[in-house]
C-alpha atoms as a PDB file:
ATOM      1  CA  MET A   1     129.605 -33.697 286.156  1.00  0.00           C
ATOM      2  CA  VAL A   2     127.866 -29.988 284.983  1.00  0.00           C
ATOM      3  CA  ALA A   3     130.099 -30.649 281.712  1.00  0.00           C
ATOM      4  CA  CYS A   4     128.252 -33.977 281.425  1.00  0.00           C
ATOM      5  CA  PHE A   5     124.726 -32.278 281.701  1.00  0.00           C
ATOM      6  CA  ASN A   6     125.891 -29.665 279.396  1.00  0.00           C
ATOM      7  CA  LEU A   7     126.623 -32.404 276.858  1.00  0.00           C
ATOM      8  CA  GLY A   8     123.232 -33.873 277.677  1.00  0.00           C
ATOM      9  CA  ASP A   9     121.668 -30.424 276.812  1.00  0.00           C
ATOM     10  CA  ALA A  10     123.752 -29.954 273.706  1.00  0.00           C
ATOM     11  CA  PHE A  11     122.984 -33.417 272.354  1.00  0.00           C
ATOM     12  CA  GLY A  12     119.059 -33.067 273.643  1.00  0.00           C
ATOM     13  CA  SER A  13     118.593 -29.692 272.107  1.00  0.00           C
ATOM     14  CA  ALA A  14     120.944 -29.976 269.054  1.00  0.00           C
ATOM     15  CA  LYS A  15     122.792 -26.621 270.194  1.00  0.00           C
ATOM     16  CA  GLY A  16     125.770 -26.610 267.918  1.00  0.00           C
ATOM     17  CA  ILE A  17     125.820 -30.319 267.061  1.00  0.00           C
ATOM     18  CA  GLY A  18     123.106 -32.704 265.782  1.00  0.00           C
ATOM     19  CA  ARG A  19     120.398 -34.084 267.968  1.00  0.00           C
ATOM     20  CA  ASN A  20     121.134 -37.168 269.551  1.00  0.00           C
ATOM     21  CA  TYR A  21     118.739 -38.346 272.084  1.00  0.00           C
ATOM     22  CA  SER A  22     120.595 -41.350 273.124  1.00  0.00           C
ATOM     23  CA  LYS A  23     123.809 -39.623 274.050  1.00  0.00           C
ATOM     24  CA  ALA A  24     121.586 -36.968 275.958  1.00  0.00           C
ATOM     25  CA  ALA A  25     120.225 -39.615 277.892  1.00  0.00           C
ATOM     26  CA  LYS A  26     123.976 -40.831 278.724  1.00  0.00           C
ATOM     27  CA  TYR A  27     124.921 -37.603 279.675  1.00  0.00           C
ATOM     28  CA  PHE A  28     121.938 -37.131 282.029  1.00  0.00           C
ATOM     29  CA  THR A  29     122.230 -40.106 283.655  1.00  0.00           C
ATOM     30  CA  LYS A  30     125.833 -39.177 284.475  1.00  0.00           C
ATOM     31  CA  ALA A  31     124.763 -35.863 285.794  1.00  0.00           C
ATOM     32  CA  CYS A  32     121.568 -37.458 287.576  1.00  0.00           C
ATOM     33  CA  ASP A  33     124.144 -39.945 289.073  1.00  0.00           C
ATOM     34  CA  ALA A  34     126.317 -37.006 290.343  1.00  0.00           C
ATOM     35  CA  GLU A  35     123.110 -35.589 292.224  1.00  0.00           C
ATOM     36  CA  LEU A  36     122.684 -32.916 289.827  1.00  0.00           C
ATOM     37  CA  TRP A  37     118.976 -32.583 290.044  1.00  0.00           C
ATOM     38  CA  TYR A  38     118.448 -30.713 286.579  1.00  0.00           C
ATOM     39  CA  GLY A  39     120.143 -33.430 284.969  1.00  0.00           C
ATOM     40  CA  CYS A  40     117.389 -36.103 286.382  1.00  0.00           C
ATOM     41  CA  ASN A  41     114.715 -33.682 285.543  1.00  0.00           C
ATOM     42  CA  ARG A  42     115.844 -33.540 282.023  1.00  0.00           C
ATOM     43  CA  LEU A  43     116.715 -37.400 281.838  1.00  0.00           C
ATOM     44  CA  ALA A  44     112.957 -38.234 283.231  1.00  0.00           C
ATOM     45  CA  PHE A  45     111.625 -35.992 280.288  1.00  0.00           C
ATOM     46  CA  LEU A  46     113.645 -38.445 277.831  1.00  0.00           C
ATOM     47  CA  PHE A  47     111.626 -41.387 279.500  1.00  0.00           C
ATOM     48  CA  HIS A  48     108.431 -39.662 279.494  1.00  0.00           C
ATOM     49  CA  ARG A  49     108.448 -39.036 275.767  1.00  0.00           C
ATOM     50  CA  GLY A  50     110.711 -42.194 274.760  1.00  0.00           C
ATOM     51  CA  ASN A  51     113.221 -40.026 273.255  1.00  0.00           C
ATOM     52  CA  GLY A  52     116.512 -41.743 272.932  1.00  0.00           C
ATOM     53  CA  VAL A  53     115.517 -44.505 275.570  1.00  0.00           C
ATOM     54  CA  GLU A  54     112.592 -46.905 275.710  1.00  0.00           C
ATOM     55  CA  LEU A  55     109.318 -44.865 276.880  1.00  0.00           C
ATOM     56  CA  ASP A  56     108.800 -45.237 280.447  1.00  0.00           C
ATOM     57  CA  ARG A  57     106.664 -43.046 281.917  1.00  0.00           C
ATOM     58  CA  LEU A  58     107.056 -44.725 285.574  1.00  0.00           C
ATOM     59  CA  ARG A  59     110.829 -44.336 285.406  1.00  0.00           C
ATOM     60  CA  ALA A  60     110.280 -40.562 284.504  1.00  0.00           C
ATOM     61  CA  VAL A  61     108.113 -40.277 287.702  1.00  0.00           C
ATOM     62  CA  GLU A  62     110.874 -42.012 289.630  1.00  0.00           C
ATOM     63  CA  LEU A  63     113.308 -39.526 288.311  1.00  0.00           C
ATOM     64  CA  TRP A  64     111.347 -36.437 288.927  1.00  0.00           C
ATOM     65  CA  GLU A  65     110.780 -37.781 292.497  1.00  0.00           C
ATOM     66  CA  LYS A  66     114.380 -37.685 293.076  1.00  0.00           C
ATOM     67  CA  ALA A  67     114.936 -34.473 291.220  1.00  0.00           C
ATOM     68  CA  CYS A  68     111.906 -33.037 293.151  1.00  0.00           C
ATOM     69  CA  THR A  69     113.255 -34.283 296.750  1.00  0.00           C
ATOM     70  CA  GLY A  70     116.521 -32.834 295.861  1.00  0.00           C
ATOM     71  CA  GLY A  71     115.372 -29.305 295.390  1.00  0.00           C
ATOM     72  CA  GLN A  72     114.520 -29.150 291.744  1.00  0.00           C
ATOM     73  CA  THR A  73     111.851 -27.082 291.812  1.00  0.00           C
ATOM     74  CA  LYS A  74     110.993 -27.936 287.764  1.00  0.00           C
ATOM     75  CA  ALA A  75     110.846 -31.563 288.859  1.00  0.00           C
ATOM     76  CA  CYS A  76     108.016 -30.770 291.186  1.00  0.00           C
ATOM     77  CA  GLY A  77     105.880 -29.019 288.672  1.00  0.00           C
ATOM     78  CA  ASN A  78     106.474 -31.930 286.329  1.00  0.00           C
ATOM     79  CA  LEU A  79     105.282 -34.574 288.966  1.00  0.00           C
ATOM     80  CA  GLY A  80     102.194 -32.232 289.575  1.00  0.00           C
ATOM     81  CA  VAL A  81     101.479 -32.631 285.561  1.00  0.00           C
ATOM     82  CA  ALA A  82     101.982 -36.110 285.974  1.00  0.00           C
ATOM     83  CA  TYR A  83      99.866 -37.110 288.784  1.00  0.00           C
ATOM     84  CA  SER A  84      97.303 -34.715 287.265  1.00  0.00           C
ATOM     85  CA  ARG A  85      97.162 -36.625 284.112  1.00  0.00           C
ATOM     86  CA  GLY A  86      97.935 -40.100 285.340  1.00  0.00           C
ATOM     87  CA  HIS A  87     101.236 -40.285 283.301  1.00  0.00           C
ATOM     88  CA  GLY A  88     103.289 -42.996 285.008  1.00  0.00           C
ATOM     89  CA  VAL A  89     101.110 -43.290 288.127  1.00  0.00           C
ATOM     90  CA  LEU A  90      97.699 -43.474 289.030  1.00  0.00           C
ATOM     91  CA  ARG A  91      96.007 -40.024 288.498  1.00  0.00           C
ATOM     92  CA  ASP A  92      95.821 -38.448 292.031  1.00  0.00           C
ATOM     93  CA  PRO A  93      94.308 -34.966 291.774  1.00  0.00           C
ATOM     94  CA  LEU A  94      95.524 -34.434 295.595  1.00  0.00           C
ATOM     95  CA  ARG A  95      99.327 -35.068 295.167  1.00  0.00           C
ATOM     96  CA  ALA A  96      99.262 -33.436 292.172  1.00  0.00           C
ATOM     97  CA  SER A  97      98.149 -30.112 293.663  1.00  0.00           C
ATOM     98  CA  GLU A  98     100.647 -30.657 296.606  1.00  0.00           C
ATOM     99  CA  TYR A  99     103.504 -30.953 294.068  1.00  0.00           C
ATOM    100  CA  PHE A 100     102.202 -27.544 292.212  1.00  0.00           C
ATOM    101  CA  GLU A 101     101.898 -26.044 295.730  1.00  0.00           C
ATOM    102  CA  LYS A 102     105.318 -26.779 296.520  1.00  0.00           C
ATOM    103  CA  ALA A 103     106.710 -25.660 293.075  1.00  0.00           C
ATOM    104  CA  CYS A 104     104.699 -22.952 293.031  1.00  0.00           C
ATOM    105  CA  GLY A 105     106.110 -21.692 296.678  1.00  0.00           C
ATOM    106  CA  GLU A 106     109.365 -22.217 294.954  1.00  0.00           C
ATOM    107  CA  GLY A 107     108.793 -19.578 292.478  1.00  0.00           C
ATOM    108  CA  HIS A 108     107.656 -21.918 289.296  1.00  0.00           C
ATOM    109  CA  ALA A 109     104.790 -19.884 287.608  1.00  0.00           C
ATOM    110  CA  THR A 110     103.673 -22.959 285.598  1.00  0.00           C
ATOM    111  CA  SER A 111     102.778 -24.557 288.720  1.00  0.00           C
ATOM    112  CA  CYS A 112     101.202 -21.513 290.060  1.00  0.00           C
ATOM    113  CA  TYR A 113      99.118 -21.424 286.725  1.00  0.00           C
ATOM    114  CA  ASN A 114      98.361 -25.007 287.191  1.00  0.00           C
ATOM    115  CA  LEU A 115      97.108 -24.959 290.461  1.00  0.00           C
ATOM    116  CA  GLY A 116      94.958 -21.455 289.892  1.00  0.00           C
ATOM    117  CA  MET A 117      93.445 -23.250 287.247  1.00  0.00           C
ATOM    118  CA  MET A 118      92.614 -26.627 289.432  1.00  0.00           C
ATOM    119  CA  PHE A 119      91.151 -23.862 291.718  1.00  0.00           C
ATOM    120  CA  GLN A 120      88.981 -22.007 289.031  1.00  0.00           C
ATOM    121  CA  ARG A 121      87.555 -24.784 287.562  1.00  0.00           C
ATOM    122  CA  GLY A 122      87.252 -26.960 290.567  1.00  0.00           C
ATOM    123  CA  VAL A 123      89.140 -29.814 288.908  1.00  0.00           C
ATOM    124  CA  ASP A 124      88.820 -32.567 291.377  1.00  0.00           C
ATOM    125  CA  ILE A 125      89.296 -30.035 294.185  1.00  0.00           C
ATOM    126  CA  SER A 126      86.810 -27.481 295.559  1.00  0.00           C
ATOM    127  CA  VAL A 127      86.014 -24.683 293.610  1.00  0.00           C
ATOM    128  CA  ASP A 128      88.241 -21.112 295.223  1.00  0.00           C
ATOM    129  CA  LYS A 129      87.952 -18.251 292.767  1.00  0.00           C
ATOM    130  CA  GLU A 130      89.723 -16.088 295.411  1.00  0.00           C
ATOM    131  CA  ARG A 131      92.530 -18.925 295.826  1.00  0.00           C
ATOM    132  CA  ALA A 132      92.698 -19.159 291.943  1.00  0.00           C
ATOM    133  CA  ARG A 133      92.896 -15.490 291.318  1.00  0.00           C
ATOM    134  CA  MET A 134      95.830 -15.167 293.894  1.00  0.00           C
ATOM    135  CA  LEU A 135      97.534 -17.901 292.330  1.00  0.00           C
ATOM    136  CA  LEU A 136      97.095 -16.974 288.661  1.00  0.00           C
ATOM    137  CA  GLN A 137      98.137 -13.470 289.964  1.00  0.00           C
ATOM    138  CA  ASP A 138     101.212 -14.765 291.233  1.00  0.00           C
ATOM    139  CA  ALA A 139     101.895 -16.873 287.924  1.00  0.00           C
ATOM    140  CA  CYS A 140     101.242 -13.628 285.862  1.00  0.00           C
ATOM    141  CA  THR A 141     103.850 -11.824 287.812  1.00  0.00           C
ATOM    142  CA  LYS A 142     106.342 -14.292 287.557  1.00  0.00           C
ATOM    143  CA  GLY A 143     105.604 -13.820 283.592  1.00  0.00           C
ATOM    144  CA  HIS A 144     103.276 -16.886 282.981  1.00  0.00           C
ATOM    145  CA  GLU A 145     101.173 -15.141 279.700  1.00  0.00           C
ATOM    146  CA  ASN A 146      98.107 -17.511 280.084  1.00  0.00           C
ATOM    147  CA  ALA A 147      98.003 -16.753 283.849  1.00  0.00           C
ATOM    148  CA  CYS A 148      97.599 -12.948 282.727  1.00  0.00           C
ATOM    149  CA  ALA A 149      95.310 -13.749 280.172  1.00  0.00           C
ATOM    150  CA  GLN A 150      92.916 -15.534 282.667  1.00  0.00           C
ATOM    151  CA  LEU A 151      92.713 -12.498 284.795  1.00  0.00           C
ATOM    152  CA  LYS A 152      91.425 -10.208 282.243  1.00  0.00           C
END
């Protein structure tokens, strides 16, 4: 099934072949059905953007939840974004922060950055400058350039 993911990736990113989101969706679906959680994550993006499939942000969230539960860290971060913006679900900053926290704890730099910015700005949570600084430092250490810029 890794081959299905690889084919989905090739069609989705036009690596060596023409871009074809419909074919990418077909192969990511097979990978996801075989519990290759990164396949579910990529399929969710297609639904989120309406690339090769009908736009369906609720379906994207369902796929990200499946992938996050299966251990796909990026999917947890994507759920954080979905809940923070209300994409496919009701906006829920508390749930967003929980998903960012989970993904950050598993090494996802962008989630550390997103959570740090929530604490820095007090976006739907209490301002906590020290917690923000720690999260942004963690993200910067993991190579997130915007986090490094926030620390200057």
